[in-house]
Amino acid sequence: MIRQATSSDVPAILTLWNEVIRDTTITFTSSPKTEDQIHHVVNSQPVFVPVDGDACCGFGTYSQFRGGDGYARTMEHAIYLSGAARGRGIGRALMAAIEDDARAAGTHSLIGGISAENEGGLAFHAAMGFVEVGRIPEVGHKFDRYLDLVLMQKHL
């Protein structure tokens, strides 16, 4: 089941997001998130959580791609799943919830910024109908090395 996140989901989102930050190059962010930052995200933009039993096993969100009113109909999304939630169709359901909500809000285009090292993320986006529209070499830096960013887009 996919539902809107509430403040009760903040601890699970915080734990998952910080694990991804600490352990992977899925995100180029290296500073851990705080509980206040997660509360702000949950209260200021659409955030969806997949629930497996009683447990939140991931989250997905979207917000404006870049500042300014010229980008008001282009959103960038993020999806993070726990290891146990991957490969079970939960990511597809989460992406469908994001797309449905974004479409209803007047979004024309969704953008995914994916680490070139995240082969699973690239394959997932391609399977969901996203098309690679750009590769930016060495724009990220984490774990003492430079990382490439792949931009993928889907028109809604």
Protein backbone atom coordinates (compact mmCIF):
# COMPACT_ATOMS: atom_id res chain seq x y z
CA MET A 1 0.00 0.00 0.00
CA ILE A 2 1.23 3.51 -0.86
CA ARG A 3 0.05 6.46 1.20
CA GLN A 4 0.95 10.07 1.94
CA ALA A 5 3.67 10.38 4.55
CA THR A 6 2.86 11.79 7.97
CA SER A 7 5.02 12.99 10.83
CA SER A 8 4.90 9.45 12.25
CA ASP A 9 6.93 8.30 9.20
CA VAL A 10 9.77 10.75 9.86
CA PRO A 11 11.94 8.35 11.93
CA ALA A 12 11.78 5.61 9.28
CA ILE A 13 12.45 8.07 6.45
CA LEU A 14 15.34 9.59 8.41
CA THR A 15 16.92 6.19 9.06
CA LEU A 16 16.62 5.07 5.44
CA TRP A 17 17.79 8.35 3.92
CA ASN A 18 20.81 8.51 6.21
CA GLU A 19 21.76 4.91 5.40
CA VAL A 20 21.70 5.77 1.69
CA ILE A 21 23.77 8.91 2.35
CA ARG A 22 26.29 7.07 4.53
CA ASP A 23 26.71 3.87 2.51
CA THR A 24 26.09 4.55 -1.20
CA THR A 25 26.64 6.78 -4.19
CA ILE A 26 22.92 6.69 -4.99
CA THR A 27 22.92 10.25 -3.67
CA PHE A 28 25.89 12.58 -3.84
CA THR A 29 24.89 14.11 -0.51
CA SER A 30 27.36 13.30 2.23
CA SER A 31 25.90 15.17 5.22
CA PRO A 32 23.29 13.25 7.23
CA LYS A 33 19.75 14.59 7.28
CA THR A 34 18.25 15.79 10.54
CA GLU A 35 14.82 15.05 11.92
CA ASP A 36 13.88 18.73 11.44
CA GLN A 37 14.88 18.54 7.75
CA ILE A 38 12.71 15.46 7.21
CA HIS A 39 9.76 17.08 9.01
CA HIS A 40 10.17 20.07 6.68
CA VAL A 41 10.15 17.83 3.58
CA VAL A 42 7.09 15.90 4.78
CA ASN A 43 5.24 19.14 5.54
CA SER A 44 6.24 21.13 2.44
CA GLN A 45 6.06 18.76 -0.54
CA PRO A 46 4.34 15.54 -1.59
CA VAL A 47 5.96 12.55 0.11
CA PHE A 48 4.68 9.00 -0.32
CA VAL A 49 5.57 5.93 1.69
CA PRO A 50 5.10 2.28 0.83
CA VAL A 51 3.90 0.31 3.82
CA ASP A 52 4.71 -3.38 4.19
CA GLY A 53 2.60 -4.64 7.09
CA ASP A 54 3.00 -1.86 9.64
CA ALA A 55 6.47 -0.80 8.51
CA CYS A 56 7.42 2.07 6.23
CA CYS A 57 9.91 0.48 3.79
CA GLY A 58 10.85 3.49 1.69
CA PHE A 59 9.69 6.85 0.44
CA GLY A 60 9.29 8.90 -2.70
CA THR A 61 8.91 12.60 -3.21
CA TYR A 62 9.07 15.30 -5.84
CA SER A 63 9.61 19.02 -6.01
CA GLN A 64 10.29 21.70 -8.59
CA PHE A 65 13.32 20.85 -10.76
CA ARG A 66 14.83 24.33 -10.62
CA GLY A 67 13.78 27.65 -9.14
CA GLY A 68 11.72 30.18 -11.04
CA ASP A 69 8.27 30.12 -12.56
CA GLY A 70 9.56 28.93 -15.94
CA TYR A 71 10.21 25.52 -14.32
CA ALA A 72 6.91 25.32 -12.45
CA ARG A 73 5.69 22.34 -14.51
CA THR A 74 8.91 20.33 -14.34
CA MET A 75 9.57 18.30 -11.23
CA GLU A 76 12.48 16.22 -9.99
CA HIS A 77 11.70 13.12 -7.99
CA ALA A 78 13.53 10.86 -5.57
CA ILE A 79 12.72 7.31 -4.55
CA TYR A 80 14.52 5.34 -1.86
CA LEU A 81 13.64 1.80 -0.78
CA SER A 82 14.98 -0.43 1.93
CA GLY A 83 16.95 -3.43 0.68
CA ALA A 84 14.11 -5.78 1.62
CA ALA A 85 11.63 -3.74 -0.44
CA ARG A 86 13.60 -3.85 -3.69
CA GLY A 87 12.58 -6.18 -6.50
CA ARG A 88 9.01 -6.63 -5.25
CA GLY A 89 7.15 -4.05 -7.36
CA ILE A 90 7.09 -1.52 -4.52
CA GLY A 91 9.22 0.96 -6.45
CA ARG A 92 6.86 0.75 -9.42
CA ALA A 93 3.87 1.41 -7.16
CA LEU A 94 5.67 4.32 -5.54
CA MET A 95 6.59 5.83 -8.91
CA ALA A 96 2.98 5.43 -10.08
CA ALA A 97 1.79 7.35 -7.00
CA ILE A 98 4.30 10.13 -7.68
CA GLU A 99 3.33 10.32 -11.35
CA ASP A 100 -0.41 10.36 -10.59
CA ASP A 101 -0.03 13.10 -7.98
CA ALA A 102 2.33 15.16 -10.14
CA ARG A 103 0.05 14.83 -13.17
CA ALA A 104 -2.96 15.95 -11.11
CA ALA A 105 -0.94 18.96 -9.92
CA GLY A 106 -0.25 20.03 -13.52
CA THR A 107 3.26 18.65 -13.94
CA HIS A 108 4.35 18.22 -17.54
CA SER A 109 7.72 16.55 -17.05
CA LEU A 110 9.46 14.47 -14.37
CA ILE A 111 13.24 14.43 -14.11
CA GLY A 112 15.37 11.82 -12.37
CA GLY A 113 18.96 12.67 -11.51
CA ILE A 114 20.64 9.26 -11.13
CA SER A 115 24.19 8.37 -10.25
CA ALA A 116 25.80 6.67 -13.26
CA GLU A 117 26.98 3.99 -10.82
CA ASN A 118 23.39 3.17 -9.86
CA GLU A 119 22.73 0.58 -12.57
CA GLY A 120 19.56 -0.60 -10.82
CA GLY A 121 18.19 2.93 -10.70
CA LEU A 122 18.96 3.52 -14.37
CA ALA A 123 17.29 0.24 -15.39
CA PHE A 124 14.28 0.99 -13.16
CA HIS A 125 13.75 4.41 -14.73
CA ALA A 126 14.09 3.02 -18.26
CA ALA A 127 11.51 0.32 -17.43
CA MET A 128 9.17 3.06 -16.13
CA GLY A 129 9.35 4.93 -19.44
CA PHE A 130 12.06 7.48 -18.61
CA VAL A 131 14.55 8.36 -21.35
CA GLU A 132 18.15 9.42 -20.81
CA VAL A 133 18.46 13.07 -21.84
CA GLY A 134 21.91 13.89 -20.53
CA ARG A 135 25.06 12.74 -18.80
CA ILE A 136 27.14 15.17 -16.84
CA PRO A 137 30.60 13.84 -16.08
CA GLU A 138 32.21 14.31 -12.69
CA VAL A 139 29.65 16.70 -11.18
CA GLY A 140 29.32 14.78 -7.93
CA HIS A 141 32.04 14.12 -5.39
CA LYS A 142 31.75 11.48 -2.69
CA PHE A 143 34.03 8.91 -1.07
CA ASP A 144 37.06 10.83 -2.44
CA ARG A 145 36.12 10.43 -6.09
CA TYR A 146 34.16 12.20 -8.79
CA LEU A 147 30.83 10.80 -9.96
CA ASP A 148 28.78 11.19 -13.14
CA LEU A 149 25.13 12.20 -13.11
CA VAL A 150 22.59 10.81 -15.59
CA LEU A 151 19.45 12.85 -16.23
CA MET A 152 16.36 10.90 -17.26
CA GLN A 153 13.02 12.43 -18.22
CA LYS A 154 9.43 11.36 -18.66
CA HIS A 155 6.65 13.52 -20.04
CA LEU A 156 3.42 12.99 -18.16
